[in-house]
Amino acid sequence: MVIMYYIRKENLISKAFERAIDESSQDFEQALTESEAEHIAVFKTLLKRYYDVESIFDPERPHYNVLLARMLTFFVLSDVFSRNAYRKYNPNSNTEKQKEWAEGMLDKLSKGIYILEDLPKPPANEQKGSSARFLYGNLTNNDFYI
């Protein structure tokens, strides 16, 4: 029984043949679930600066975003297909190109180049005191001669 909470098997089937997915994960039934959990942990690490990742990836009520689901689908498919000896790494395969696209998008999201407006922002920093502010100063001295 496959239990993924952010993407569904239908997401995977829309990008690859169901038979290929089943053959690649039949020896280890939790392969899809564990791959999704691993990539969600990476998403949380990289996106927590700009988004409230705990509410986005909440197992009970996830905040679904089509772009994140598409990226997660490509990552999970790449992991599962790499488990199958007949579908090992091929740099020209569509799966690898999709994974490279997803890696590029994740990089842009983590750097703030792309902003997903429909996702919740992280909670505001509770510390508003002087220790939380960034201090800036100009230390040039025009009257300093050597």
C-alpha atoms as a PDB file:
ATOM      1  CA  MET A   1       0.000   0.000   0.000  1.00  0.00           C
ATOM      2  CA  VAL A   2       1.549   3.276  -1.125  1.00  0.00           C
ATOM      3  CA  ILE A   3       0.959   6.189   1.239  1.00  0.00           C
ATOM      4  CA  MET A   4       2.279   9.471  -0.062  1.00  0.00           C
ATOM      5  CA  TYR A   5       0.733  12.591   1.392  1.00  0.00           C
ATOM      6  CA  TYR A   6       1.794  15.442  -0.899  1.00  0.00           C
ATOM      7  CA  ILE A   7       1.704  13.782  -4.297  1.00  0.00           C
ATOM      8  CA  ARG A   8      -0.412  10.834  -5.365  1.00  0.00           C
ATOM      9  CA  LYS A   9       0.334   7.890  -7.568  1.00  0.00           C
ATOM     10  CA  GLU A  10      -1.749   9.602 -10.265  1.00  0.00           C
ATOM     11  CA  ASN A  11       0.902  12.350 -10.379  1.00  0.00           C
ATOM     12  CA  LEU A  12       3.535   9.719 -11.092  1.00  0.00           C
ATOM     13  CA  ILE A  13       1.413   7.874 -13.641  1.00  0.00           C
ATOM     14  CA  SER A  14       0.789  11.107 -15.557  1.00  0.00           C
ATOM     15  CA  LYS A  15       4.566  11.352 -16.182  1.00  0.00           C
ATOM     16  CA  ALA A  16       5.503   7.669 -16.582  1.00  0.00           C
ATOM     17  CA  PHE A  17       3.946   4.299 -17.289  1.00  0.00           C
ATOM     18  CA  GLU A  18       2.317   2.674 -14.276  1.00  0.00           C
ATOM     19  CA  ARG A  19       3.964  -0.638 -15.133  1.00  0.00           C
ATOM     20  CA  ALA A  20       7.428   0.969 -15.024  1.00  0.00           C
ATOM     21  CA  ILE A  21       6.668   2.541 -11.635  1.00  0.00           C
ATOM     22  CA  ASP A  22       5.297  -0.723 -10.221  1.00  0.00           C
ATOM     23  CA  GLU A  23       8.216  -2.802 -11.534  1.00  0.00           C
ATOM     24  CA  SER A  24      10.717  -0.354 -10.082  1.00  0.00           C
ATOM     25  CA  SER A  25       9.156  -0.344  -6.626  1.00  0.00           C
ATOM     26  CA  GLN A  26       7.687  -3.845  -6.242  1.00  0.00           C
ATOM     27  CA  ASP A  27      10.617  -5.299  -4.290  1.00  0.00           C
ATOM     28  CA  PHE A  28      10.404  -2.532  -1.700  1.00  0.00           C
ATOM     29  CA  GLU A  29       6.863  -1.260  -1.200  1.00  0.00           C
ATOM     30  CA  GLN A  30       7.908   1.795   0.786  1.00  0.00           C
ATOM     31  CA  ALA A  31      10.224   3.096  -1.958  1.00  0.00           C
ATOM     32  CA  LEU A  32       7.757   5.739  -3.168  1.00  0.00           C
ATOM     33  CA  THR A  33       6.819   6.883   0.330  1.00  0.00           C
ATOM     34  CA  GLU A  34      10.419   7.103   1.529  1.00  0.00           C
ATOM     35  CA  SER A  35      11.569   8.900  -1.592  1.00  0.00           C
ATOM     36  CA  GLU A  36       8.788  11.460  -1.181  1.00  0.00           C
ATOM     37  CA  ALA A  37       9.619  11.941   2.509  1.00  0.00           C
ATOM     38  CA  GLU A  38      13.312  12.399   1.736  1.00  0.00           C
ATOM     39  CA  HIS A  39      12.672  15.011  -0.942  1.00  0.00           C
ATOM     40  CA  ILE A  40      10.147  16.839   1.219  1.00  0.00           C
ATOM     41  CA  ALA A  41      12.831  17.107   3.901  1.00  0.00           C
ATOM     42  CA  VAL A  42      15.168  18.643   1.307  1.00  0.00           C
ATOM     43  CA  PHE A  43      12.392  21.034   0.193  1.00  0.00           C
ATOM     44  CA  LYS A  44      11.831  22.067   3.812  1.00  0.00           C
ATOM     45  CA  THR A  45      15.512  22.750   4.326  1.00  0.00           C
ATOM     46  CA  LEU A  46      15.924  24.818   1.184  1.00  0.00           C
ATOM     47  CA  LEU A  47      12.609  26.714   1.208  1.00  0.00           C
ATOM     48  CA  LYS A  48      12.170  27.578   4.907  1.00  0.00           C
ATOM     49  CA  ARG A  49      13.677  31.024   4.393  1.00  0.00           C
ATOM     50  CA  TYR A  50      10.815  32.173   2.161  1.00  0.00           C
ATOM     51  CA  TYR A  51       7.889  29.877   3.028  1.00  0.00           C
ATOM     52  CA  ASP A  52       6.146  28.326   6.010  1.00  0.00           C
ATOM     53  CA  VAL A  53       7.246  24.813   5.090  1.00  0.00           C
ATOM     54  CA  GLU A  54       5.632  23.177   8.128  1.00  0.00           C
ATOM     55  CA  SER A  55       2.156  24.202   6.957  1.00  0.00           C
ATOM     56  CA  ILE A  56       2.917  23.556   3.279  1.00  0.00           C
ATOM     57  CA  PHE A  57       4.065  19.989   3.928  1.00  0.00           C
ATOM     58  CA  ASP A  58       1.738  19.215   6.841  1.00  0.00           C
ATOM     59  CA  PRO A  59       0.901  15.475   6.604  1.00  0.00           C
ATOM     60  CA  GLU A  60      -2.710  16.050   7.706  1.00  0.00           C
ATOM     61  CA  ARG A  61      -3.562  19.091   5.560  1.00  0.00           C
ATOM     62  CA  PRO A  62      -0.801  19.942   3.097  1.00  0.00           C
ATOM     63  CA  HIS A  63      -0.958  23.239   1.237  1.00  0.00           C
ATOM     64  CA  TYR A  64      -0.892  21.907  -2.325  1.00  0.00           C
ATOM     65  CA  ASN A  65       1.041  23.793  -4.998  1.00  0.00           C
ATOM     66  CA  VAL A  66       1.157  22.504  -8.566  1.00  0.00           C
ATOM     67  CA  LEU A  67       4.771  23.531  -9.169  1.00  0.00           C
ATOM     68  CA  LEU A  68       6.045  21.885  -5.981  1.00  0.00           C
ATOM     69  CA  ALA A  69       4.042  18.740  -6.783  1.00  0.00           C
ATOM     70  CA  ARG A  70       5.473  18.611 -10.299  1.00  0.00           C
ATOM     71  CA  MET A  71       9.025  18.996  -9.004  1.00  0.00           C
ATOM     72  CA  LEU A  72       8.464  16.368  -6.310  1.00  0.00           C
ATOM     73  CA  THR A  73       6.999  14.014  -8.931  1.00  0.00           C
ATOM     74  CA  PHE A  74      10.119  14.284 -11.081  1.00  0.00           C
ATOM     75  CA  PHE A  75      12.410  13.690  -8.098  1.00  0.00           C
ATOM     76  CA  VAL A  76      10.459  10.624  -6.930  1.00  0.00           C
ATOM     77  CA  LEU A  77      10.311   9.141 -10.439  1.00  0.00           C
ATOM     78  CA  SER A  78      14.045   9.578 -10.854  1.00  0.00           C
ATOM     79  CA  ASP A  79      14.721   7.856  -7.523  1.00  0.00           C
ATOM     80  CA  VAL A  80      12.374   4.964  -8.225  1.00  0.00           C
ATOM     81  CA  PHE A  81      13.623   4.389 -11.755  1.00  0.00           C
ATOM     82  CA  SER A  82      17.227   4.408 -10.573  1.00  0.00           C
ATOM     83  CA  ARG A  83      16.352   1.397  -8.393  1.00  0.00           C
ATOM     84  CA  ASN A  84      15.460  -0.663 -11.473  1.00  0.00           C
ATOM     85  CA  ALA A  85      18.472  -2.265 -13.158  1.00  0.00           C
ATOM     86  CA  TYR A  86      16.881  -1.895 -16.598  1.00  0.00           C
ATOM     87  CA  ARG A  87      16.203   1.821 -16.138  1.00  0.00           C
ATOM     88  CA  LYS A  88      19.562   2.947 -14.789  1.00  0.00           C
ATOM     89  CA  TYR A  89      20.971   6.413 -15.406  1.00  0.00           C
ATOM     90  CA  ASN A  90      20.888   7.627 -18.978  1.00  0.00           C
ATOM     91  CA  PRO A  91      21.835  11.300 -19.417  1.00  0.00           C
ATOM     92  CA  ASN A  92      19.610  11.575 -22.489  1.00  0.00           C
ATOM     93  CA  SER A  93      16.497  10.127 -20.902  1.00  0.00           C
ATOM     94  CA  ASN A  94      13.426  12.237 -20.382  1.00  0.00           C
ATOM     95  CA  THR A  95      13.415  11.356 -16.674  1.00  0.00           C
ATOM     96  CA  GLU A  96      16.908  12.798 -16.182  1.00  0.00           C
ATOM     97  CA  LYS A  97      16.026  15.960 -18.103  1.00  0.00           C
ATOM     98  CA  GLN A  98      12.915  16.383 -15.948  1.00  0.00           C
ATOM     99  CA  LYS A  99      15.001  15.876 -12.795  1.00  0.00           C
ATOM    100  CA  GLU A 100      17.513  18.500 -13.973  1.00  0.00           C
ATOM    101  CA  TRP A 101      14.640  20.932 -14.598  1.00  0.00           C
ATOM    102  CA  ALA A 102      13.267  20.262 -11.105  1.00  0.00           C
ATOM    103  CA  GLU A 103      16.712  20.780  -9.548  1.00  0.00           C
ATOM    104  CA  GLY A 104      17.039  24.092 -11.375  1.00  0.00           C
ATOM    105  CA  MET A 105      13.605  25.242 -10.215  1.00  0.00           C
ATOM    106  CA  LEU A 106      14.331  24.222  -6.620  1.00  0.00           C
ATOM    107  CA  ASP A 107      17.577  26.181  -6.767  1.00  0.00           C
ATOM    108  CA  LYS A 108      15.766  29.281  -8.037  1.00  0.00           C
ATOM    109  CA  LEU A 109      13.049  28.946  -5.398  1.00  0.00           C
ATOM    110  CA  SER A 110      15.605  28.521  -2.617  1.00  0.00           C
ATOM    111  CA  LYS A 111      17.463  31.663  -3.720  1.00  0.00           C
ATOM    112  CA  GLY A 112      14.278  33.718  -3.973  1.00  0.00           C
ATOM    113  CA  ILE A 113      14.575  34.230  -7.741  1.00  0.00           C
ATOM    114  CA  TYR A 114      11.067  32.821  -8.170  1.00  0.00           C
ATOM    115  CA  ILE A 115       8.440  33.565  -5.527  1.00  0.00           C
ATOM    116  CA  LEU A 116       5.279  31.473  -5.241  1.00  0.00           C
ATOM    117  CA  GLU A 117       2.687  33.976  -4.034  1.00  0.00           C
ATOM    118  CA  ASP A 118       0.031  31.381  -3.166  1.00  0.00           C
ATOM    119  CA  LEU A 119       2.190  29.696  -0.515  1.00  0.00           C
ATOM    120  CA  PRO A 120       2.176  30.859   3.117  1.00  0.00           C
ATOM    121  CA  LYS A 121       5.104  32.990   4.202  1.00  0.00           C
ATOM    122  CA  PRO A 122       7.176  32.020   7.244  1.00  0.00           C
ATOM    123  CA  PRO A 123       6.045  33.344  10.625  1.00  0.00           C
ATOM    124  CA  ALA A 124       7.546  36.722  11.533  1.00  0.00           C
ATOM    125  CA  ASN A 125      10.593  36.706  13.760  1.00  0.00           C
ATOM    126  CA  GLU A 126       9.487  37.106  17.355  1.00  0.00           C
ATOM    127  CA  GLN A 127      12.586  39.059  18.371  1.00  0.00           C
ATOM    128  CA  LYS A 128      12.192  42.704  17.415  1.00  0.00           C
ATOM    129  CA  GLY A 129      14.976  43.970  19.688  1.00  0.00           C
ATOM    130  CA  SER A 130      18.380  45.284  18.720  1.00  0.00           C
ATOM    131  CA  SER A 131      19.899  41.792  18.574  1.00  0.00           C
ATOM    132  CA  ALA A 132      17.595  40.860  15.690  1.00  0.00           C
ATOM    133  CA  ARG A 133      18.433  43.920  13.571  1.00  0.00           C
ATOM    134  CA  PHE A 134      21.217  44.068  11.077  1.00  0.00           C
ATOM    135  CA  LEU A 135      23.649  46.828  11.913  1.00  0.00           C
ATOM    136  CA  TYR A 136      25.338  48.784   9.162  1.00  0.00           C
ATOM    137  CA  GLY A 137      27.925  51.462   9.419  1.00  0.00           C
ATOM    138  CA  ASN A 138      30.486  53.275   7.344  1.00  0.00           C
ATOM    139  CA  LEU A 139      33.935  53.029   8.850  1.00  0.00           C
ATOM    140  CA  THR A 140      35.820  55.129   6.308  1.00  0.00           C
ATOM    141  CA  ASN A 141      37.960  57.917   7.692  1.00  0.00           C
ATOM    142  CA  ASN A 142      38.850  60.526   5.092  1.00  0.00           C
ATOM    143  CA  ASP A 143      41.400  62.175   7.425  1.00  0.00           C
ATOM    144  CA  PHE A 144      43.509  59.059   7.877  1.00  0.00           C
ATOM    145  CA  TYR A 145      46.977  59.336   6.345  1.00  0.00           C
ATOM    146  CA  ILE A 146      49.732  56.763   6.390  1.00  0.00           C
END
